Amino acid sequence: MIPQLRDWHAKYEKQGLTIVGVHCPEFTWERPFDKVVQATRDLKVAYPVVQDNDFVIWKRFKNRYWPAMAMIDKRGTIRFVHVGEGAYTETEARLKALLSEK
């Protein structure tokens, strides 16, 4: 999923897309802040990533899966949720539609 998010960030940021990654550690070794910082550098992630070790955001969105994505419109309404890898063409089409809304 990260390669697609990097691509969409580069393509659509100037059109209003804001991507915020949320890191919820599946394993104990993923919890240290320095490891998250290093991983974002290694993966060339240019958008902000929030560290959610206590799963506060995870629970707020009632998430249960790695990876998961939620698209939120300009009003703060969740408009699309996708769980797992794939469906990138459909997801990008939904993204474009949301960005075109006035």
N, C-alpha and C. Protein backbone atom coordinates (compact mmCIF):
# COMPACT_ATOMS: atom_id res chain seq x y z
N MET A 1 0.82 -1.19 0.00
CA MET A 1 0.00 0.00 0.00
C MET A 1 0.87 1.26 0.00
N ILE A 2 2.01 1.22 0.67
CA ILE A 2 2.84 2.42 0.78
C ILE A 2 3.28 2.95 -0.59
N PRO A 3 3.67 2.11 -1.55
CA PRO A 3 4.04 2.67 -2.85
C PRO A 3 2.89 3.46 -3.50
N GLN A 4 1.66 2.98 -3.39
CA GLN A 4 0.52 3.69 -3.97
C GLN A 4 0.28 5.00 -3.22
N LEU A 5 0.38 4.97 -1.91
CA LEU A 5 0.18 6.19 -1.14
C LEU A 5 1.24 7.24 -1.49
N ARG A 6 2.49 6.79 -1.65
CA ARG A 6 3.54 7.73 -2.07
C ARG A 6 3.21 8.35 -3.42
N ASP A 7 2.75 7.52 -4.34
CA ASP A 7 2.39 7.99 -5.69
C ASP A 7 1.23 8.98 -5.63
N TRP A 8 0.19 8.64 -4.91
CA TRP A 8 -0.97 9.54 -4.80
C TRP A 8 -0.60 10.84 -4.12
N HIS A 9 0.25 10.77 -3.11
CA HIS A 9 0.71 11.98 -2.45
C HIS A 9 1.39 12.90 -3.46
N ALA A 10 2.28 12.34 -4.25
CA ALA A 10 3.01 13.14 -5.26
C ALA A 10 2.06 13.69 -6.33
N LYS A 11 1.10 12.89 -6.76
CA LYS A 11 0.19 13.30 -7.84
C LYS A 11 -0.88 14.29 -7.41
N TYR A 12 -1.41 14.14 -6.20
CA TYR A 12 -2.63 14.85 -5.83
C TYR A 12 -2.49 15.83 -4.66
N GLU A 13 -1.33 15.94 -4.07
CA GLU A 13 -1.18 16.83 -2.93
C GLU A 13 -1.55 18.27 -3.30
N LYS A 14 -1.13 18.71 -4.47
CA LYS A 14 -1.41 20.10 -4.89
C LYS A 14 -2.89 20.31 -5.22
N GLN A 15 -3.63 19.21 -5.39
CA GLN A 15 -5.07 19.31 -5.66
C GLN A 15 -5.88 19.23 -4.35
N GLY A 16 -5.18 19.11 -3.22
CA GLY A 16 -5.88 19.11 -1.95
C GLY A 16 -5.83 17.82 -1.16
N LEU A 17 -5.19 16.79 -1.70
CA LEU A 17 -5.12 15.53 -0.96
C LEU A 17 -4.18 15.67 0.24
N THR A 18 -4.65 15.23 1.38
CA THR A 18 -3.82 15.14 2.57
C THR A 18 -3.81 13.69 3.02
N ILE A 19 -2.64 13.11 3.04
CA ILE A 19 -2.49 11.74 3.53
C ILE A 19 -1.83 11.82 4.90
N VAL A 20 -2.39 11.08 5.84
CA VAL A 20 -1.78 10.95 7.16
C VAL A 20 -1.69 9.45 7.44
N GLY A 21 -0.48 8.96 7.51
CA GLY A 21 -0.28 7.56 7.87
C GLY A 21 -0.44 7.40 9.36
N VAL A 22 -0.99 6.28 9.77
CA VAL A 22 -1.13 5.99 11.19
C VAL A 22 -0.43 4.67 11.45
N HIS A 23 0.64 4.72 12.24
CA HIS A 23 1.40 3.52 12.55
C HIS A 23 0.89 2.91 13.85
N CYS A 24 0.26 1.75 13.72
CA CYS A 24 -0.21 0.97 14.87
C CYS A 24 0.63 -0.30 14.89
N PRO A 25 1.52 -0.43 15.86
CA PRO A 25 2.47 -1.54 15.84
C PRO A 25 1.82 -2.90 16.08
N GLU A 26 2.09 -3.79 15.16
CA GLU A 26 1.60 -5.16 15.32
C GLU A 26 2.51 -5.95 16.27
N PHE A 27 3.80 -5.60 16.27
CA PHE A 27 4.79 -6.30 17.08
C PHE A 27 5.49 -5.33 18.02
N THR A 28 5.99 -5.82 19.13
CA THR A 28 6.65 -4.99 20.15
C THR A 28 7.82 -4.21 19.57
N TRP A 29 8.60 -4.84 18.69
CA TRP A 29 9.77 -4.16 18.14
C TRP A 29 9.41 -2.98 17.23
N GLU A 30 8.13 -2.83 16.88
CA GLU A 30 7.69 -1.71 16.05
C GLU A 30 7.29 -0.48 16.87
N ARG A 31 7.35 -0.57 18.18
CA ARG A 31 6.87 0.50 19.05
C ARG A 31 7.84 1.68 19.21
N PRO A 32 9.16 1.49 19.23
CA PRO A 32 10.06 2.62 19.47
C PRO A 32 9.97 3.69 18.37
N PHE A 33 9.93 4.94 18.81
CA PHE A 33 9.80 6.08 17.91
C PHE A 33 10.91 6.10 16.86
N ASP A 34 12.15 5.83 17.28
CA ASP A 34 13.26 5.90 16.34
C ASP A 34 13.13 4.87 15.21
N LYS A 35 12.52 3.74 15.50
CA LYS A 35 12.31 2.73 14.45
C LYS A 35 11.25 3.19 13.44
N VAL A 36 10.23 3.88 13.92
CA VAL A 36 9.20 4.42 13.03
C VAL A 36 9.81 5.50 12.14
N VAL A 37 10.60 6.38 12.72
CA VAL A 37 11.26 7.43 11.95
C VAL A 37 12.16 6.80 10.89
N GLN A 38 12.95 5.81 11.27
CA GLN A 38 13.85 5.16 10.31
C GLN A 38 13.07 4.45 9.20
N ALA A 39 11.99 3.80 9.55
CA ALA A 39 11.17 3.10 8.54
C ALA A 39 10.58 4.09 7.54
N THR A 40 10.10 5.24 8.03
CA THR A 40 9.54 6.22 7.09
C THR A 40 10.62 6.76 6.16
N ARG A 41 11.83 6.92 6.67
CA ARG A 41 12.96 7.34 5.81
C ARG A 41 13.29 6.26 4.79
N ASP A 42 13.44 5.03 5.27
CA ASP A 42 13.79 3.91 4.39
C ASP A 42 12.76 3.71 3.29
N LEU A 43 11.48 3.90 3.63
CA LEU A 43 10.40 3.70 2.66
C LEU A 43 10.09 4.97 1.85
N LYS A 44 10.85 6.04 2.12
CA LYS A 44 10.68 7.31 1.40
C LYS A 44 9.25 7.85 1.50
N VAL A 45 8.71 7.81 2.71
CA VAL A 45 7.37 8.31 2.98
C VAL A 45 7.46 9.82 3.18
N ALA A 46 6.82 10.58 2.29
CA ALA A 46 6.90 12.05 2.32
C ALA A 46 5.73 12.70 3.06
N TYR A 47 4.70 11.94 3.35
CA TYR A 47 3.54 12.46 4.07
C TYR A 47 3.71 12.18 5.56
N PRO A 48 2.99 12.91 6.43
CA PRO A 48 3.15 12.70 7.87
C PRO A 48 2.64 11.33 8.32
N VAL A 49 3.30 10.80 9.33
CA VAL A 49 2.90 9.52 9.94
C VAL A 49 2.77 9.74 11.45
N VAL A 50 1.63 9.36 11.97
CA VAL A 50 1.34 9.45 13.40
C VAL A 50 1.63 8.10 14.03
N GLN A 51 2.29 8.10 15.16
CA GLN A 51 2.56 6.87 15.88
C GLN A 51 1.44 6.64 16.89
N ASP A 52 0.75 5.51 16.76
CA ASP A 52 -0.43 5.20 17.58
C ASP A 52 -0.18 3.92 18.39
N ASN A 53 0.83 3.96 19.26
CA ASN A 53 1.17 2.77 20.05
C ASN A 53 0.04 2.28 20.94
N ASP A 54 -0.82 3.19 21.36
CA ASP A 54 -1.92 2.81 22.25
C ASP A 54 -3.22 2.52 21.49
N PHE A 55 -3.16 2.55 20.16
CA PHE A 55 -4.29 2.21 19.29
C PHE A 55 -5.50 3.12 19.50
N VAL A 56 -5.27 4.36 19.86
CA VAL A 56 -6.37 5.31 20.07
C VAL A 56 -7.06 5.60 18.74
N ILE A 57 -6.29 5.92 17.71
CA ILE A 57 -6.88 6.21 16.39
C ILE A 57 -7.48 4.93 15.81
N TRP A 58 -6.76 3.85 15.95
CA TRP A 58 -7.22 2.53 15.50
C TRP A 58 -8.63 2.25 16.04
N LYS A 59 -8.81 2.44 17.34
CA LYS A 59 -10.11 2.18 17.97
C LYS A 59 -11.16 3.19 17.54
N ARG A 60 -10.76 4.45 17.38
CA ARG A 60 -11.70 5.51 16.98
C ARG A 60 -12.34 5.19 15.63
N PHE A 61 -11.54 4.61 14.73
CA PHE A 61 -12.04 4.24 13.40
C PHE A 61 -12.57 2.81 13.35
N LYS A 62 -12.62 2.16 14.51
CA LYS A 62 -13.11 0.78 14.61
C LYS A 62 -12.37 -0.15 13.65
N ASN A 63 -11.07 0.08 13.54
CA ASN A 63 -10.24 -0.72 12.65
C ASN A 63 -9.90 -2.06 13.31
N ARG A 64 -9.71 -3.06 12.49
CA ARG A 64 -9.31 -4.39 12.97
C ARG A 64 -8.26 -5.01 12.06
N TYR A 65 -7.74 -4.26 11.08
CA TYR A 65 -6.94 -4.88 10.02
C TYR A 65 -5.69 -4.08 9.70
N TRP A 66 -4.66 -4.79 9.26
CA TRP A 66 -3.45 -4.19 8.70
C TRP A 66 -3.36 -4.67 7.26
N PRO A 67 -3.18 -3.86 6.29
CA PRO A 67 -3.40 -2.42 6.30
C PRO A 67 -4.87 -2.09 6.09
N ALA A 68 -5.22 -0.89 6.44
CA ALA A 68 -6.57 -0.39 6.20
C ALA A 68 -6.46 1.09 5.83
N MET A 69 -7.40 1.55 5.02
CA MET A 69 -7.40 2.94 4.57
C MET A 69 -8.81 3.50 4.69
N ALA A 70 -8.89 4.73 5.15
CA ALA A 70 -10.17 5.43 5.20
C ALA A 70 -10.01 6.75 4.45
N MET A 71 -10.95 7.04 3.56
CA MET A 71 -10.97 8.34 2.88
C MET A 71 -12.01 9.20 3.58
N ILE A 72 -11.58 10.38 3.94
CA ILE A 72 -12.43 11.30 4.67
C ILE A 72 -12.59 12.56 3.83
N ASP A 73 -13.83 12.99 3.64
CA ASP A 73 -14.06 14.16 2.79
C ASP A 73 -13.76 15.46 3.53
N LYS A 74 -13.97 16.57 2.85
CA LYS A 74 -13.66 17.89 3.39
C LYS A 74 -14.47 18.23 4.63
N ARG A 75 -15.60 17.57 4.81
CA ARG A 75 -16.46 17.81 5.98
C ARG A 75 -16.13 16.89 7.16
N GLY A 76 -15.22 15.95 6.93
CA GLY A 76 -14.85 15.03 7.99
C GLY A 76 -15.65 13.74 8.00
N THR A 77 -16.38 13.47 6.93
CA THR A 77 -17.20 12.26 6.83
C THR A 77 -16.39 11.16 6.16
N ILE A 78 -16.39 9.98 6.76
CA ILE A 78 -15.72 8.84 6.12
C ILE A 78 -16.54 8.43 4.91
N ARG A 79 -15.90 8.46 3.75
CA ARG A 79 -16.61 8.18 2.50
C ARG A 79 -16.24 6.84 1.87
N PHE A 80 -15.10 6.31 2.26
CA PHE A 80 -14.65 5.05 1.66
C PHE A 80 -13.65 4.39 2.60
N VAL A 81 -13.79 3.08 2.78
CA VAL A 81 -12.86 2.31 3.58
C VAL A 81 -12.42 1.10 2.75
N HIS A 82 -11.14 0.85 2.77
CA HIS A 82 -10.61 -0.34 2.09
C HIS A 82 -9.70 -1.08 3.06
N VAL A 83 -9.86 -2.39 3.12
CA VAL A 83 -9.04 -3.23 3.98
C VAL A 83 -8.16 -4.09 3.10
N GLY A 84 -6.88 -4.14 3.45
CA GLY A 84 -5.94 -4.99 2.73
C GLY A 84 -5.31 -4.29 1.55
N GLU A 85 -4.47 -5.02 0.86
CA GLU A 85 -3.81 -4.52 -0.35
C GLU A 85 -4.76 -4.63 -1.54
N GLY A 86 -4.41 -3.96 -2.62
CA GLY A 86 -5.15 -4.11 -3.87
C GLY A 86 -6.26 -3.10 -4.04
N ALA A 87 -7.01 -3.26 -5.12
CA ALA A 87 -8.11 -2.37 -5.51
C ALA A 87 -7.63 -0.93 -5.71
N TYR A 88 -6.39 -0.78 -6.18
CA TYR A 88 -5.81 0.55 -6.30
C TYR A 88 -6.47 1.39 -7.39
N THR A 89 -6.91 0.78 -8.47
CA THR A 89 -7.58 1.52 -9.53
C THR A 89 -8.91 2.08 -9.02
N GLU A 90 -9.69 1.26 -8.35
CA GLU A 90 -10.97 1.70 -7.78
C GLU A 90 -10.73 2.79 -6.72
N THR A 91 -9.74 2.58 -5.89
CA THR A 91 -9.45 3.54 -4.82
C THR A 91 -9.03 4.88 -5.41
N GLU A 92 -8.18 4.86 -6.44
CA GLU A 92 -7.76 6.11 -7.05
C GLU A 92 -8.93 6.82 -7.72
N ALA A 93 -9.84 6.07 -8.32
CA ALA A 93 -11.03 6.67 -8.93
C ALA A 93 -11.87 7.37 -7.86
N ARG A 94 -12.03 6.74 -6.72
CA ARG A 94 -12.79 7.37 -5.62
C ARG A 94 -12.06 8.60 -5.10
N LEU A 95 -10.76 8.52 -5.03
CA LEU A 95 -9.95 9.65 -4.60
C LEU A 95 -10.13 10.85 -5.53
N LYS A 96 -10.05 10.59 -6.82
CA LYS A 96 -10.25 11.67 -7.81
C LYS A 96 -11.64 12.27 -7.69
N ALA A 97 -12.63 11.43 -7.49
CA ALA A 97 -14.01 11.93 -7.36
C ALA A 97 -14.14 12.84 -6.13
N LEU A 98 -13.55 12.44 -5.02
CA LEU A 98 -13.61 13.27 -3.81
C LEU A 98 -12.88 14.59 -4.01
N LEU A 99 -11.74 14.55 -4.68
CA LEU A 99 -10.99 15.78 -4.92
C LEU A 99 -11.72 16.73 -5.85
N SER A 100 -12.57 16.19 -6.71
CA SER A 100 -13.29 17.05 -7.66
C SER A 100 -14.54 17.70 -7.04
N GLU A 101 -14.96 17.23 -5.86
CA GLU A 101 -16.13 17.81 -5.22
C GLU A 101 -15.84 19.24 -4.78
N LYS A 102 -16.83 20.08 -4.91
CA LYS A 102 -16.67 21.50 -4.53
C LYS A 102 -17.02 21.69 -3.07
